[in-house]
């Protein structure tokens, strides 16, 4: 579909660089196109709210990709490590790697209730 200027409706090739490339963009919320810089300046007052929201969305997607990649690196280092023992003590979960001791010595988390085994008398 040919792009049209958001101001004068002529054929357009210049896209707003702030919104261009926003993940999940649709025609209704996508980047605005302009035929020249003058039309872009005229439209800025009307367009800046949408543009700011789309730039924020791009930043959030970028942050999500960084966090995902960090998690993958963490998982590669930790998840492939042999766990010698997991125990619940004083309502906290302790994870032991081989004979080296607790994986996390200064930080402990509450033991996940979903992993607790109900003790039955008998």
Protein backbone atom coordinates (compact mmCIF):
# COMPACT_ATOMS: atom_id res chain seq x y z
CA UNK A 1 0.00 0.00 0.00
CA UNK A 2 1.51 3.36 -0.98
CA UNK A 3 2.21 5.73 1.89
CA UNK A 4 0.47 9.08 1.96
CA UNK A 5 1.41 12.30 3.75
CA UNK A 6 -0.27 12.66 7.15
CA UNK A 7 -0.92 16.34 6.42
CA UNK A 8 -1.58 17.03 2.71
CA UNK A 9 -2.39 13.44 1.57
CA UNK A 10 0.18 13.48 -1.26
CA UNK A 11 2.48 10.46 -1.83
CA UNK A 12 5.02 10.30 1.00
CA UNK A 13 8.38 8.64 1.60
CA UNK A 14 9.59 10.22 4.87
CA UNK A 15 8.56 8.32 7.99
CA UNK A 16 8.68 9.74 11.49
CA UNK A 17 11.90 8.25 12.84
CA UNK A 18 10.56 8.20 16.41
CA UNK A 19 7.76 5.76 15.59
CA UNK A 20 9.28 3.92 12.66
CA UNK A 21 10.02 0.28 13.42
CA UNK A 22 7.88 0.00 16.54
CA UNK A 23 7.24 -3.72 17.21
CA UNK A 24 3.63 -4.69 16.65
CA UNK A 25 2.83 -1.57 14.65
CA UNK A 26 -0.46 -1.60 12.80
CA UNK A 27 -1.70 0.78 10.13
CA UNK A 28 -3.83 2.59 12.75
CA UNK A 29 -0.96 3.12 15.22
CA UNK A 30 2.04 2.89 12.93
CA UNK A 31 4.59 5.46 11.90
CA UNK A 32 3.26 8.57 10.19
CA UNK A 33 4.63 9.42 6.76
CA UNK A 34 5.22 12.85 5.28
CA UNK A 35 5.95 14.19 1.80
CA UNK A 36 8.47 16.72 3.15
CA UNK A 37 9.93 18.16 6.34
CA UNK A 38 7.52 21.12 6.31
CA UNK A 39 4.48 18.82 6.56
CA UNK A 40 6.20 16.93 9.39
CA UNK A 41 6.75 20.19 11.31
CA UNK A 42 3.12 21.23 10.78
CA UNK A 43 1.88 17.86 12.15
CA UNK A 44 4.25 17.66 15.15
CA UNK A 45 1.88 19.24 17.70
CA UNK A 46 -0.81 16.68 16.80
CA UNK A 47 1.57 13.73 16.38
CA UNK A 48 3.96 14.08 19.34
CA UNK A 49 1.71 12.27 21.87
CA UNK A 50 1.43 9.14 19.70
CA UNK A 51 5.10 9.36 18.78
CA UNK A 52 6.15 9.47 22.46
CA UNK A 53 3.98 6.44 23.26
CA UNK A 54 5.43 4.46 20.34
CA UNK A 55 9.02 5.40 21.30
CA UNK A 56 8.30 4.18 24.84
CA UNK A 57 6.96 0.93 23.39
CA UNK A 58 10.17 0.50 21.36
CA UNK A 59 12.26 1.04 24.51
CA UNK A 60 10.21 -1.52 26.45
CA UNK A 61 10.61 -4.10 23.69
CA UNK A 62 14.36 -3.42 23.59
CA UNK A 63 14.58 -3.80 27.40
CA UNK A 64 12.62 -7.05 27.16
CA UNK A 65 15.05 -8.43 24.58
CA UNK A 66 18.01 -7.49 26.79
CA UNK A 67 16.43 -9.16 29.84
CA UNK A 68 15.62 -12.26 27.80
CA UNK A 69 19.22 -12.49 26.58
CA UNK A 70 20.54 -12.01 30.13
CA UNK A 71 18.24 -14.76 31.37
CA UNK A 72 19.49 -17.10 28.63
CA UNK A 73 23.11 -16.40 29.64
CA UNK A 74 22.24 -16.95 33.33
CA UNK A 75 20.36 -20.14 32.51
CA UNK A 76 23.30 -21.45 30.50
CA UNK A 77 25.62 -20.97 33.50
CA UNK A 78 23.27 -22.08 36.30
CA UNK A 79 20.76 -24.55 34.91
CA UNK A 80 23.43 -26.88 33.56
CA UNK A 81 25.05 -27.08 37.00
CA UNK A 82 24.50 -30.25 39.01
CA UNK A 83 22.37 -29.63 42.09
CA UNK A 84 23.49 -31.84 44.96
CA UNK A 85 20.69 -31.05 47.38
CA UNK A 86 17.71 -28.77 47.95
CA UNK A 87 16.37 -28.38 51.44
CA UNK A 88 13.78 -26.40 53.34
CA UNK A 89 15.03 -24.98 56.60
CA UNK A 90 13.36 -22.27 58.70
CA UNK A 91 10.90 -21.57 55.89
CA UNK A 92 13.67 -20.87 53.38
CA UNK A 93 14.91 -22.82 50.40
CA UNK A 94 18.62 -23.69 50.22
CA UNK A 95 20.19 -24.98 47.02
CA UNK A 96 23.52 -26.82 47.19
CA UNK A 97 25.82 -27.31 44.21
CA UNK A 98 28.03 -30.39 44.50
CA UNK A 99 30.13 -30.17 47.65
CA UNK A 100 30.69 -26.40 47.42
CA UNK A 101 27.84 -25.41 49.75
CA UNK A 102 24.86 -23.17 49.21
CA UNK A 103 24.46 -21.65 45.79
CA UNK A 104 23.26 -18.43 47.37
CA UNK A 105 24.82 -17.79 50.73
CA UNK A 106 23.50 -14.33 51.66
CA UNK A 107 20.12 -14.51 49.98
CA UNK A 108 17.40 -17.02 50.65
CA UNK A 109 13.85 -17.20 49.40
CA UNK A 110 10.71 -18.52 50.98
CA UNK A 111 10.15 -22.12 50.07
CA UNK A 112 7.54 -22.35 47.27
CA UNK A 113 4.30 -23.60 48.78
CA UNK A 114 3.51 -25.48 45.57
CA UNK A 115 6.56 -27.69 46.12
CA UNK A 116 5.78 -28.61 49.72
CA UNK A 117 4.73 -32.17 50.36
CA UNK A 118 1.94 -32.58 52.89
CA UNK A 119 2.96 -34.91 55.68
CA UNK A 120 0.44 -37.58 56.49
CA UNK A 121 0.35 -39.22 59.88
CA UNK A 122 0.65 -42.93 59.82
